[in-house]
Amino acid sequence: MSMPFYVSPEQMMKDRADFARKGIARGRSVVAVQYADGILFVSENPSQALHKVSEIYDRIAFAAVGRYNEFENLRIAGVRLADMRGYAYDRRDVTGRGLANAYAQTLGTIFSAGGEKPYEVELFVAEIGDAAADDQLYRLTYDGQVADEHGFAVMGGAADVVAGHLREHYVAGSTLDDALRVAVAALGHSESDDRVIPVDDLEVAALDRTRSQPRKFLRLREARLADILGVRGSAEPATASPEDTIAGSGPHQNGQDDPADPTDQVSGAVPPLEDPVTGEPPVAPPVAPPVGPPGDQAPPGTPPADPGPQP
């Protein structure tokens, strides 16, 4: 009987942690930003059906990065736990801290178990209170660790680069519009250059305490994002040359044709100075020979004779 290879517990935990971190880093980042009236979640997500940010309960939201099937199972479990606790006791007994502790126990058990791979996920659990000082934002890692975040937090993808940009531009107590602009700019920031993320590639949601109904979760649709961020990802309009700024001097000004454009097929256009295909000068069409006997033809340059009165 062959003996199995021995792997120290430290090496096994390190390998499992590296495996989970690599899987999480392949996804796109999610940004959570606290603003004056709540907590904002912004992510680059081209899919319109598979959400990274969702509602858990009245004042509680959930965001995740990593493998979709794994964090979707965690989200469903959190919704069921919140519903059961709110039904059995009271809706005020459902708190973000209680859900974060439940998620931490689940993730820690899965990570330390040797029979299955660790979950490749990181989570945000957020809860808003009656005032900004009562807001809570928890970040949970793949191994069950819980961190209480303040101001802003980033997970997944290039989290260090995005967090560095937020650290320079984040302003506490800002409005929803300002927080959204800063978060989107941070997601598009990289070490080499900055890119513009189109509006239809953004997933944005918020816990807004100013809503009159008990459910404070709000998903910002594309039309509202376009109003706040403007048109993004479209081509810039072509600028006119200095010659075109003078009225009637540029091509197609006041209905005129462009004689230098070989593709201009407007009636009355002047033919180009050279053939657009061969690049050779145009050849004049052959002249038809005169009709009639040679003696009946007037010499070149003689004006035509007056035929006189017609009967």
Protein backbone atom coordinates (compact mmCIF):
# COMPACT_ATOMS: atom_id res chain seq x y z
CA MET A 1 0.00 0.00 0.00
CA SER A 2 1.48 3.33 -1.09
CA MET A 3 1.55 6.17 1.36
CA PRO A 4 -0.09 9.46 0.26
CA PHE A 5 2.06 12.54 -0.14
CA TYR A 6 2.18 14.72 2.94
CA VAL A 7 1.20 18.36 2.56
CA SER A 8 1.53 20.66 5.52
CA PRO A 9 -1.60 22.55 6.62
CA GLU A 10 0.14 25.87 5.97
CA GLN A 11 0.96 24.92 2.38
CA MET A 12 -2.53 23.57 1.76
CA MET A 13 -4.17 26.79 3.02
CA LYS A 14 -1.77 28.88 0.94
CA ASP A 15 -2.59 26.92 -2.20
CA ARG A 16 -6.32 27.24 -1.59
CA ALA A 17 -6.00 30.97 -0.96
CA ASP A 18 -3.97 31.49 -4.16
CA PHE A 19 -6.56 29.52 -6.11
CA ALA A 20 -9.42 31.66 -4.80
CA ARG A 21 -7.58 34.96 -5.31
CA LYS A 22 -6.75 34.16 -8.93
CA GLY A 23 -10.36 33.33 -9.69
CA ILE A 24 -11.61 36.56 -8.08
CA ALA A 25 -9.02 38.73 -9.84
CA ARG A 26 -10.25 37.58 -13.25
CA GLY A 27 -13.59 39.35 -12.72
CA ARG A 28 -14.43 43.04 -12.97
CA SER A 29 -14.32 45.26 -9.92
CA VAL A 30 -17.29 46.37 -7.83
CA VAL A 31 -17.17 49.72 -6.03
CA ALA A 32 -19.22 50.60 -2.96
CA VAL A 33 -19.34 54.31 -2.06
CA GLN A 34 -21.08 55.97 0.86
CA TYR A 35 -22.74 59.26 -0.04
CA ALA A 36 -24.97 61.71 1.82
CA ASP A 37 -28.24 59.77 1.42
CA GLY A 38 -27.09 56.16 1.35
CA ILE A 39 -24.68 53.68 -0.21
CA LEU A 40 -23.96 53.40 -3.93
CA PHE A 41 -22.81 50.27 -5.79
CA VAL A 42 -21.19 50.54 -9.23
CA SER A 43 -19.84 47.73 -11.39
CA GLU A 44 -18.89 47.17 -15.01
CA ASN A 45 -21.30 44.45 -16.10
CA PRO A 46 -22.34 44.17 -19.78
CA SER A 47 -24.96 41.54 -18.93
CA GLN A 48 -28.49 42.84 -18.39
CA ALA A 49 -29.74 39.62 -16.75
CA LEU A 50 -26.92 38.42 -14.46
CA HIS A 51 -26.68 41.00 -11.69
CA LYS A 52 -23.79 41.51 -9.32
CA VAL A 53 -25.77 43.82 -7.04
CA SER A 54 -29.11 42.76 -5.56
CA GLU A 55 -31.53 43.42 -2.73
CA ILE A 56 -31.58 41.21 0.35
CA TYR A 57 -34.12 42.93 2.58
CA ASP A 58 -35.72 46.32 3.22
CA ARG A 59 -32.53 48.22 4.04
CA ILE A 60 -29.94 45.60 3.12
CA ALA A 61 -28.14 45.08 -0.20
CA PHE A 62 -25.74 42.44 -1.49
CA ALA A 63 -22.90 42.74 -4.04
CA ALA A 64 -20.41 40.13 -5.16
CA VAL A 65 -17.58 39.33 -7.58
CA GLY A 66 -16.24 35.99 -8.71
CA ARG A 67 -18.08 32.90 -9.92
CA TYR A 68 -21.70 33.74 -10.60
CA ASN A 69 -23.17 30.36 -9.62
CA GLU A 70 -21.41 30.45 -6.26
CA PHE A 71 -22.34 33.95 -5.15
CA GLU A 72 -25.87 33.49 -6.51
CA ASN A 73 -26.30 30.52 -4.15
CA LEU A 74 -25.09 32.71 -1.30
CA ARG A 75 -27.48 35.49 -2.27
CA ILE A 76 -30.48 33.14 -2.32
CA ALA A 77 -29.48 31.71 1.05
CA GLY A 78 -29.25 35.23 2.48
CA VAL A 79 -32.71 36.16 1.18
CA ARG A 80 -34.23 33.03 2.73
CA LEU A 81 -32.49 33.63 6.05
CA ALA A 82 -33.69 37.25 6.17
CA ASP A 83 -37.27 36.30 5.27
CA MET A 84 -37.41 33.57 7.93
CA ARG A 85 -35.96 35.80 10.63
CA GLY A 86 -38.22 38.70 9.76
CA TYR A 87 -41.32 36.45 9.70
CA ALA A 88 -40.50 34.57 12.92
CA TYR A 89 -39.46 37.62 14.95
CA ASP A 90 -39.67 41.15 13.59
CA ARG A 91 -38.48 42.93 10.46
CA ARG A 92 -36.22 45.11 12.60
CA ASP A 93 -34.38 41.99 13.76
CA VAL A 94 -32.96 41.45 10.27
CA THR A 95 -29.62 43.32 10.27
CA GLY A 96 -26.65 43.55 7.97
CA ARG A 97 -24.33 42.46 10.77
CA GLY A 98 -26.30 39.25 11.31
CA LEU A 99 -26.21 38.41 7.60
CA ALA A 100 -22.49 39.19 7.39
CA ASN A 101 -21.80 36.83 10.29
CA ALA A 102 -23.85 34.08 8.64
CA TYR A 103 -21.96 34.51 5.36
CA ALA A 104 -18.62 34.52 7.21
CA GLN A 105 -19.40 31.19 8.87
CA THR A 106 -20.41 29.63 5.57
CA LEU A 107 -17.37 30.86 3.65
CA GLY A 108 -14.97 29.93 6.46
CA THR A 109 -16.36 26.39 6.66
CA ILE A 110 -16.09 25.86 2.91
CA PHE A 111 -12.55 27.26 2.78
CA SER A 112 -11.20 25.09 5.59
CA ALA A 113 -12.91 21.89 4.40
CA GLY A 114 -10.49 19.67 2.51
CA GLY A 115 -13.06 17.81 0.45
CA GLU A 116 -14.13 20.65 -1.87
CA LYS A 117 -12.59 23.69 -3.46
CA PRO A 118 -13.00 27.12 -1.81
CA TYR A 119 -15.55 29.57 -3.14
CA GLU A 120 -14.04 32.06 -5.59
CA VAL A 121 -16.13 34.98 -4.35
CA GLU A 122 -15.95 38.19 -2.37
CA LEU A 123 -19.05 39.89 -0.96
CA PHE A 124 -20.39 43.24 0.16
CA VAL A 125 -23.23 43.36 2.68
CA ALA A 126 -24.54 46.87 3.26
CA GLU A 127 -27.25 48.31 5.49
CA ILE A 128 -28.42 51.90 5.77
CA GLY A 129 -29.79 53.57 8.88
CA ASP A 130 -31.81 56.68 9.58
CA ALA A 131 -28.65 58.81 9.38
CA ALA A 132 -25.34 58.55 7.54
CA ALA A 133 -23.53 57.70 10.77
CA ASP A 134 -25.67 54.55 11.13
CA ASP A 135 -24.76 53.10 7.71
CA GLN A 136 -22.86 49.81 7.71
CA LEU A 137 -20.73 48.29 4.96
CA TYR A 138 -19.10 44.87 5.40
CA ARG A 139 -16.64 43.19 3.07
CA LEU A 140 -16.29 39.41 3.22
CA THR A 141 -13.40 37.52 1.63
CA TYR A 142 -13.25 33.97 0.29
CA ASP A 143 -11.95 32.57 3.60
CA GLY A 144 -14.69 34.09 5.79
CA GLN A 145 -12.90 37.18 7.06
CA VAL A 146 -15.12 40.20 7.73
CA ALA A 147 -13.98 43.82 7.43
CA ASP A 148 -16.03 46.87 8.42
CA GLU A 149 -15.47 49.44 5.66
CA HIS A 150 -15.99 53.20 5.84
CA GLY A 151 -16.31 55.71 3.02
CA PHE A 152 -15.65 53.40 0.09
CA ALA A 153 -14.48 49.89 -0.70
CA VAL A 154 -13.42 47.94 -3.80
CA MET A 155 -13.24 44.22 -4.50
CA GLY A 156 -12.35 42.08 -7.50
CA GLY A 157 -10.32 42.86 -10.61
CA ALA A 158 -7.68 45.58 -10.23
CA ALA A 159 -8.93 46.52 -6.76
CA ASP A 160 -5.69 48.24 -5.68
CA VAL A 161 -5.61 50.59 -8.69
CA VAL A 162 -9.30 51.47 -8.38
CA ALA A 163 -9.00 52.02 -4.64
CA GLY A 164 -6.00 54.31 -5.17
CA HIS A 165 -8.00 56.51 -7.54
CA LEU A 166 -10.92 56.65 -5.09
CA ARG A 167 -8.59 57.55 -2.26
CA GLU A 168 -7.51 60.65 -4.17
CA HIS A 169 -10.92 61.80 -5.43
CA TYR A 170 -13.51 60.58 -2.91
CA VAL A 171 -15.30 63.29 -0.91
CA ALA A 172 -17.37 62.30 2.12
CA GLY A 173 -20.98 63.47 2.15
CA SER A 174 -21.19 64.03 -1.61
CA THR A 175 -24.38 63.77 -3.63
CA LEU A 176 -25.46 60.70 -5.58
CA ASP A 177 -24.45 62.26 -8.91
CA ASP A 178 -20.97 63.21 -7.70
CA ALA A 179 -20.40 59.83 -6.08
CA LEU A 180 -21.46 58.08 -9.28
CA ARG A 181 -19.07 60.12 -11.43
CA VAL A 182 -16.16 59.42 -9.10
CA ALA A 183 -16.93 55.69 -8.95
CA VAL A 184 -17.23 55.32 -12.74
CA ALA A 185 -14.00 57.26 -13.27
CA ALA A 186 -12.25 54.97 -10.79
CA LEU A 187 -13.48 51.84 -12.58
CA GLY A 188 -12.11 53.14 -15.87
CA HIS A 189 -8.77 54.14 -14.36
CA SER A 190 -5.71 51.98 -14.95
CA GLU A 191 -1.95 52.36 -14.56
CA SER A 192 -1.44 52.97 -18.29
CA ASP A 193 -4.41 55.11 -19.30
CA ASP A 194 -8.04 55.90 -18.51
CA ARG A 195 -10.90 54.51 -20.55
CA VAL A 196 -14.53 55.55 -20.88
CA ILE A 197 -17.04 52.87 -19.86
CA PRO A 198 -20.27 53.06 -21.91
CA VAL A 199 -23.48 53.60 -19.99
CA ASP A 200 -24.99 50.31 -21.17
CA ASP A 201 -22.02 48.42 -19.65
CA LEU A 202 -22.63 49.77 -16.14
CA GLU A 203 -24.66 48.19 -13.36
CA VAL A 204 -25.56 50.76 -10.73
CA ALA A 205 -27.75 50.38 -7.65
CA ALA A 206 -28.14 52.23 -4.37
CA LEU A 207 -29.64 52.05 -0.92
CA ASP A 208 -31.41 55.41 -0.74
CA ARG A 209 -32.74 56.47 2.65
CA THR A 210 -34.80 59.30 1.11
CA ARG A 211 -37.28 56.87 -0.46
CA SER A 212 -40.67 57.02 1.26
CA GLN A 213 -41.39 53.28 1.00
CA PRO A 214 -39.85 50.73 3.39
CA ARG A 215 -37.76 49.12 0.65
CA LYS A 216 -34.78 51.40 0.11
CA PHE A 217 -33.09 49.49 -2.72
CA LEU A 218 -33.01 51.39 -6.02
CA ARG A 219 -31.58 50.30 -9.36
CA LEU A 220 -30.46 53.14 -11.66
CA ARG A 221 -31.46 52.49 -15.26
CA GLU A 222 -29.65 53.49 -18.42
CA ALA A 223 -31.73 56.63 -19.06
CA ARG A 224 -30.91 58.11 -15.65
CA LEU A 225 -27.24 57.15 -15.97
CA ALA A 226 -27.10 58.94 -19.31
CA ASP A 227 -28.59 62.07 -17.71
CA ILE A 228 -25.93 62.04 -14.99
CA LEU A 229 -22.88 60.89 -16.95
CA GLY A 230 -23.78 62.13 -20.43
CA VAL A 231 -23.26 60.27 -23.71
CA ARG A 232 -20.29 57.95 -23.26
CA GLY A 233 -18.37 55.75 -25.66
CA SER A 234 -19.54 57.52 -28.85
CA ALA A 235 -17.27 58.87 -31.55
CA GLU A 236 -16.34 62.53 -31.44
CA PRO A 237 -17.82 64.68 -34.23
CA ALA A 238 -15.41 65.61 -37.01
CA THR A 239 -14.08 69.14 -36.78
CA ALA A 240 -14.18 71.37 -39.84
CA SER A 241 -10.97 72.73 -41.37
CA PRO A 242 -10.27 76.45 -41.23
CA GLU A 243 -11.15 76.79 -44.91
CA ASP A 244 -14.57 75.24 -44.30
CA THR A 245 -15.49 77.81 -41.68
CA ILE A 246 -15.90 80.50 -44.37
CA ALA A 247 -19.39 80.48 -45.83
CA GLY A 248 -19.43 78.91 -49.27
CA SER A 249 -15.71 78.05 -49.32
CA GLY A 250 -15.85 74.40 -48.26
CA PRO A 251 -17.14 71.39 -50.18
CA HIS A 252 -20.92 71.07 -50.52
CA GLN A 253 -21.45 74.55 -49.11
CA ASN A 254 -24.71 76.15 -50.25
CA GLY A 255 -25.56 73.15 -52.40
CA GLN A 256 -22.28 73.24 -54.39
CA ASP A 257 -20.45 70.08 -55.43
CA ASP A 258 -16.93 69.15 -54.55
CA PRO A 259 -14.92 68.99 -57.81
CA ALA A 260 -12.01 67.25 -56.10
CA ASP A 261 -14.13 64.37 -54.82
CA PRO A 262 -14.06 61.49 -57.37
CA THR A 263 -17.02 59.86 -55.66
CA ASP A 264 -19.25 62.89 -56.08
CA GLN A 265 -22.02 61.76 -58.42
CA VAL A 266 -24.18 64.86 -58.15
CA SER A 267 -25.38 66.13 -61.52
CA GLY A 268 -23.20 68.98 -62.79
CA ALA A 269 -20.07 68.01 -60.88
CA VAL A 270 -16.77 68.87 -62.55
CA PRO A 271 -14.84 65.71 -63.51
CA PRO A 272 -11.61 65.09 -61.60
CA LEU A 273 -8.23 66.05 -62.99
CA GLU A 274 -7.07 62.44 -63.04
CA ASP A 275 -8.63 59.01 -63.07
CA PRO A 276 -9.35 57.90 -59.42
CA VAL A 277 -8.43 54.26 -60.23
CA THR A 278 -5.40 54.41 -62.54
CA GLY A 279 -4.13 57.85 -61.53
CA GLU A 280 -3.63 58.83 -65.21
CA PRO A 281 -4.93 62.04 -66.82
CA PRO A 282 -8.30 61.68 -68.51
CA VAL A 283 -8.33 60.95 -72.24
CA ALA A 284 -10.54 63.08 -74.47
CA PRO A 285 -13.27 61.14 -76.28
CA PRO A 286 -12.67 60.58 -80.04
CA VAL A 287 -14.18 63.16 -82.41
CA ALA A 288 -16.72 61.78 -84.86
CA PRO A 289 -15.66 62.18 -88.54
CA PRO A 290 -17.60 64.75 -90.66
CA VAL A 291 -20.58 63.53 -92.60
CA GLY A 292 -20.93 64.33 -96.33
CA PRO A 293 -18.55 64.96 -99.22
CA PRO A 294 -15.26 66.63 -98.36
CA GLY A 295 -16.01 69.62 -100.66
CA ASP A 296 -19.15 70.52 -98.77
CA GLN A 297 -17.26 71.11 -95.52
CA ALA A 298 -16.23 74.63 -94.56
CA PRO A 299 -12.68 75.19 -93.42
CA PRO A 300 -12.07 75.15 -89.63
CA GLY A 301 -13.00 78.37 -87.86
CA THR A 302 -15.53 79.56 -90.51
CA PRO A 303 -18.82 80.68 -88.94
CA PRO A 304 -21.90 78.91 -90.22
CA ALA A 305 -23.74 80.60 -93.11
CA ASP A 306 -27.11 82.23 -92.58
CA PRO A 307 -29.68 79.89 -94.01
CA GLY A 308 -32.01 82.83 -94.82
CA PRO A 309 -35.74 83.03 -94.40
CA GLN A 310 -37.53 79.77 -94.19
CA PRO A 311 -40.69 79.15 -96.24
